Amino acid sequence: MEHDITYYAKKRHTTKAYDPNRRIPDETVDKLKELLRFSPSSTNIQPWHFVIASTQEGKERVAKATEKYPFNRPSILNASHVVVFASRLAVDEDYLQHVLEQEDKDGRFDTDRETHKPAMHGGRSLFVNLHKQDFKDVQHWMDKQVYLNLGQFLLGAAALGVDATPMEGIEIPVLDAEFGLREKGYSALFVVPLGYHDPEQDYNASLPKSRLPYSDILTEV
């Protein structure tokens, strides 16, 4: 039976306990990777990097970052997979050219390369420089793109029948050191355990959704 997209928005929940004996099928993992790759971002800047831990050893490495947040450790270790979301630390001309050349390779400028390619580069550079020089929030701007990715990812995972837990309760320096993220030009923001919830331990699964009413959140003009 097919469901409207709002079904998954209402059905998904932040999972509080995972069944350690259930694994996400490889074909579903491939689709989850596609969700990460094909997220929208401002000017298509794509300022992200991901670490996916699927082995017990890999999950133990992620769990090193929970010493100050021990309540998050079981979910990381019992989940089928865990994704570390990281954001770029800088955006320079080399990276802008890297994105531009990938767009060219993927056929974005085939109709009029001489016009569209420099226009795309100019527009993207305009926004990057605004955030660097005027707003002075380029790191925050890039972080926001990674959170945009997270929003799509959570809804997509739910549509694939996969439970998830967005988790900011981690020690960023520990993750960065464990996976050499800063040497690669990134820093972790949060992790997302993925898998299938334990129906006996996941108390959040049976609780009703609670959201503010439209009268509080929506103005129609």
Protein backbone atom coordinates (compact mmCIF):
# COMPACT_ATOMS: atom_id res chain seq x y z
CA MET A 1 0.00 0.00 0.00
CA GLU A 2 1.34 3.40 -0.98
CA HIS A 3 1.22 6.21 1.55
CA ASP A 4 1.10 9.97 1.27
CA ILE A 5 4.39 11.64 2.31
CA THR A 6 2.65 13.11 5.36
CA TYR A 7 2.07 9.55 6.60
CA TYR A 8 5.82 9.12 7.06
CA ALA A 9 6.21 12.56 8.62
CA LYS A 10 3.65 11.58 11.26
CA LYS A 11 4.79 7.97 11.60
CA ARG A 12 8.51 8.58 12.17
CA HIS A 13 9.81 9.18 15.68
CA THR A 14 13.12 9.59 17.44
CA THR A 15 13.97 6.02 18.35
CA LYS A 16 15.12 5.50 21.93
CA ALA A 17 16.19 1.84 21.75
CA TYR A 18 17.30 -0.42 18.90
CA ASP A 19 17.00 -4.13 18.25
CA PRO A 20 20.68 -5.21 18.00
CA ASN A 21 19.73 -8.36 16.08
CA ARG A 22 18.21 -6.61 13.07
CA ARG A 23 20.32 -5.32 10.19
CA ILE A 24 19.38 -2.89 7.44
CA PRO A 25 19.49 -4.73 4.08
CA ASP A 26 22.32 -3.69 1.75
CA GLU A 27 19.91 -2.42 -0.90
CA THR A 28 18.28 -0.11 1.66
CA VAL A 29 21.68 1.11 2.84
CA ASP A 30 22.45 2.03 -0.77
CA LYS A 31 19.29 4.14 -0.87
CA LEU A 32 20.20 5.84 2.41
CA LYS A 33 23.56 6.77 0.87
CA GLU A 34 21.73 8.24 -2.11
CA LEU A 35 19.67 10.40 0.24
CA LEU A 36 22.86 11.79 1.76
CA ARG A 37 24.37 12.53 -1.63
CA PHE A 38 21.32 14.07 -3.26
CA SER A 39 20.31 16.49 -0.52
CA PRO A 40 19.71 20.09 -1.55
CA SER A 41 22.10 22.79 -0.35
CA SER A 42 22.39 26.52 -0.91
CA THR A 43 24.03 27.16 -4.32
CA ASN A 44 24.70 23.39 -4.46
CA ILE A 45 27.72 23.96 -2.18
CA GLN A 46 27.48 20.43 -0.64
CA PRO A 47 29.74 21.23 2.36
CA TRP A 48 29.51 17.81 3.97
CA HIS A 49 31.30 14.57 4.65
CA PHE A 50 29.89 11.39 6.19
CA VAL A 51 31.31 8.44 8.08
CA ILE A 52 29.10 5.34 8.07
CA ALA A 53 29.80 2.77 10.77
CA SER A 54 28.22 -0.63 10.11
CA THR A 55 30.57 -2.99 11.98
CA GLN A 56 30.71 -3.43 15.74
CA GLU A 57 34.27 -2.07 15.66
CA GLY A 58 33.12 0.98 13.71
CA LYS A 59 30.24 1.65 16.09
CA GLU A 60 32.58 1.31 19.07
CA ARG A 61 34.75 4.01 17.50
CA VAL A 62 31.76 6.34 17.23
CA ALA A 63 30.69 5.50 20.77
CA LYS A 64 34.03 6.79 22.10
CA ALA A 65 32.42 10.21 21.76
CA THR A 66 29.76 9.49 24.40
CA GLU A 67 31.80 9.61 27.61
CA LYS A 68 29.97 12.79 28.64
CA TYR A 69 26.69 11.46 27.22
CA PRO A 70 26.55 7.80 28.37
CA PHE A 71 22.79 7.62 27.77
CA ASN A 72 23.50 7.78 24.00
CA ARG A 73 25.99 4.93 23.94
CA PRO A 74 23.48 2.01 23.80
CA SER A 75 21.67 3.41 20.77
CA ILE A 76 24.95 3.80 18.87
CA LEU A 77 26.11 0.26 19.70
CA ASN A 78 22.76 -1.47 19.14
CA ALA A 79 21.82 0.31 15.92
CA SER A 80 22.43 -1.42 12.61
CA HIS A 81 24.35 1.56 11.20
CA VAL A 82 25.51 4.94 12.48
CA VAL A 83 26.16 7.97 10.30
CA VAL A 84 28.49 10.77 11.40
CA PHE A 85 27.55 14.06 9.73
CA ALA A 86 30.44 16.54 9.34
CA SER A 87 30.66 20.05 7.91
CA ARG A 88 33.43 21.72 5.94
CA LEU A 89 35.72 24.05 7.86
CA ALA A 90 36.55 26.30 4.92
CA VAL A 91 35.41 26.94 1.38
CA ASP A 92 38.18 28.19 -0.91
CA GLU A 93 38.54 28.71 -4.65
CA ASP A 94 39.87 25.18 -5.19
CA TYR A 95 36.74 23.70 -3.65
CA LEU A 96 34.46 26.02 -5.64
CA GLN A 97 36.20 24.91 -8.83
CA HIS A 98 35.87 21.27 -7.76
CA VAL A 99 32.09 21.63 -7.40
CA LEU A 100 31.88 23.56 -10.68
CA GLU A 101 33.79 20.92 -12.62
CA GLN A 102 31.58 18.17 -11.23
CA GLU A 103 28.51 20.09 -12.37
CA ASP A 104 30.09 20.43 -15.81
CA LYS A 105 30.88 16.70 -15.88
CA ASP A 106 27.28 15.92 -14.95
CA GLY A 107 25.96 17.99 -17.87
CA ARG A 108 24.61 21.02 -16.03
CA PHE A 109 26.00 23.43 -18.62
CA ASP A 110 25.62 21.46 -21.83
CA THR A 111 23.08 23.83 -23.38
CA ASP A 112 25.42 26.86 -23.20
CA ARG A 113 28.67 26.16 -21.36
CA GLU A 114 30.26 29.50 -22.20
CA THR A 115 27.45 31.41 -20.50
CA HIS A 116 26.05 29.13 -17.82
CA LYS A 117 29.28 27.80 -16.32
CA PRO A 118 30.82 31.19 -15.39
CA ALA A 119 27.39 32.44 -14.30
CA MET A 120 27.04 29.53 -11.89
CA HIS A 121 30.51 30.08 -10.51
CA GLY A 122 29.87 33.79 -10.13
CA GLY A 123 26.58 33.29 -8.33
CA ARG A 124 27.97 30.70 -5.93
CA SER A 125 31.04 32.84 -5.23
CA LEU A 126 28.78 35.81 -4.55
CA PHE A 127 26.97 33.99 -1.74
CA VAL A 128 30.12 32.43 -0.32
CA ASN A 129 31.79 35.84 -0.18
CA LEU A 130 28.70 37.42 1.39
CA HIS A 131 28.91 34.93 4.23
CA LYS A 132 32.68 35.27 4.50
CA GLN A 133 33.03 39.03 4.28
CA ASP A 134 29.70 40.69 5.11
CA PHE A 135 27.81 38.34 7.41
CA LYS A 136 31.00 36.71 8.76
CA ASP A 137 29.11 33.48 9.38
CA VAL A 138 30.42 31.18 6.65
CA GLN A 139 30.95 28.27 9.07
CA HIS A 140 27.44 28.62 10.43
CA TRP A 141 26.09 28.88 6.87
CA MET A 142 27.79 25.63 5.88
CA ASP A 143 26.60 23.91 9.06
CA LYS A 144 23.03 24.90 8.18
CA GLN A 145 23.35 23.08 4.86
CA VAL A 146 24.28 19.90 6.71
CA TYR A 147 21.20 20.27 8.92
CA LEU A 148 19.17 20.70 5.74
CA ASN A 149 20.58 17.33 4.64
CA LEU A 150 19.53 15.83 7.98
CA GLY A 151 15.91 16.91 7.54
CA GLN A 152 15.62 15.19 4.18
CA PHE A 153 17.51 12.16 5.49
CA LEU A 154 15.16 11.59 8.44
CA LEU A 155 12.04 11.75 6.29
CA GLY A 156 13.65 9.55 3.63
CA ALA A 157 14.73 6.96 6.18
CA ALA A 158 11.17 6.79 7.52
CA ALA A 159 9.84 6.28 3.99
CA LEU A 160 12.29 3.38 3.63
CA GLY A 161 11.02 1.83 6.86
CA VAL A 162 14.19 2.62 8.79
CA ASP A 163 14.18 4.06 12.31
CA ALA A 164 16.60 6.86 13.17
CA THR A 165 17.83 9.01 16.06
CA PRO A 166 19.35 12.45 15.36
CA MET A 167 21.90 12.87 18.13
CA GLU A 168 23.83 16.01 19.09
CA GLY A 169 24.89 14.56 22.45
CA ILE A 170 28.38 13.60 21.31
CA GLU A 171 31.87 14.95 21.90
CA ILE A 172 32.90 16.64 18.66
CA PRO A 173 36.69 16.71 19.30
CA VAL A 174 36.66 12.97 20.00
CA LEU A 175 34.90 12.16 16.72
CA ASP A 176 37.12 14.55 14.77
CA ALA A 177 40.25 12.90 16.16
CA GLU A 178 38.96 9.34 15.78
CA PHE A 179 38.20 9.73 12.07
CA GLY A 180 40.79 12.36 11.15
CA LEU A 181 38.04 14.73 10.10
CA ARG A 182 39.88 18.00 10.71
CA GLU A 183 42.84 16.81 8.68
CA LYS A 184 40.37 16.27 5.83
CA GLY A 185 38.96 19.78 6.30
CA TYR A 186 35.79 18.88 8.20
CA SER A 187 34.39 18.77 11.72
CA ALA A 188 31.58 16.57 13.05
CA LEU A 189 28.20 18.08 13.91
CA PHE A 190 26.03 15.14 15.01
CA VAL A 191 25.46 11.43 14.52
CA VAL A 192 22.40 9.44 13.42
CA PRO A 193 22.00 5.82 14.53
CA LEU A 194 19.83 3.84 12.11
CA GLY A 195 18.09 0.49 12.28
CA TYR A 196 14.91 -1.01 13.71
CA HIS A 197 13.54 -0.12 17.10
CA ASP A 198 13.18 -2.51 20.02
CA PRO A 199 9.40 -2.55 20.58
CA GLU A 200 9.78 -3.41 24.27
CA GLN A 201 12.41 -0.78 25.12
CA ASP A 202 11.58 2.07 22.74
CA TYR A 203 9.09 3.95 24.89
CA ASN A 204 8.85 6.82 22.39
CA ALA A 205 7.32 4.62 19.69
CA SER A 206 3.97 4.31 21.45
CA LEU A 207 3.64 7.92 22.56
CA PRO A 208 1.31 10.19 20.56
CA LYS A 209 2.86 12.92 18.44
CA SER A 210 2.78 16.38 19.97
CA ARG A 211 3.11 19.47 17.81
CA LEU A 212 1.98 23.06 18.21
CA PRO A 213 -1.32 23.89 16.44
CA TYR A 214 -1.47 25.74 13.14
CA SER A 215 -2.82 28.78 14.98
CA ASP A 216 0.59 29.08 16.69
CA ILE A 217 2.88 28.35 13.76
CA LEU A 218 1.14 29.39 10.55
CA THR A 219 0.12 32.71 9.06
CA GLU A 220 -1.70 32.59 5.73
CA VAL A 221 -2.01 35.77 3.69
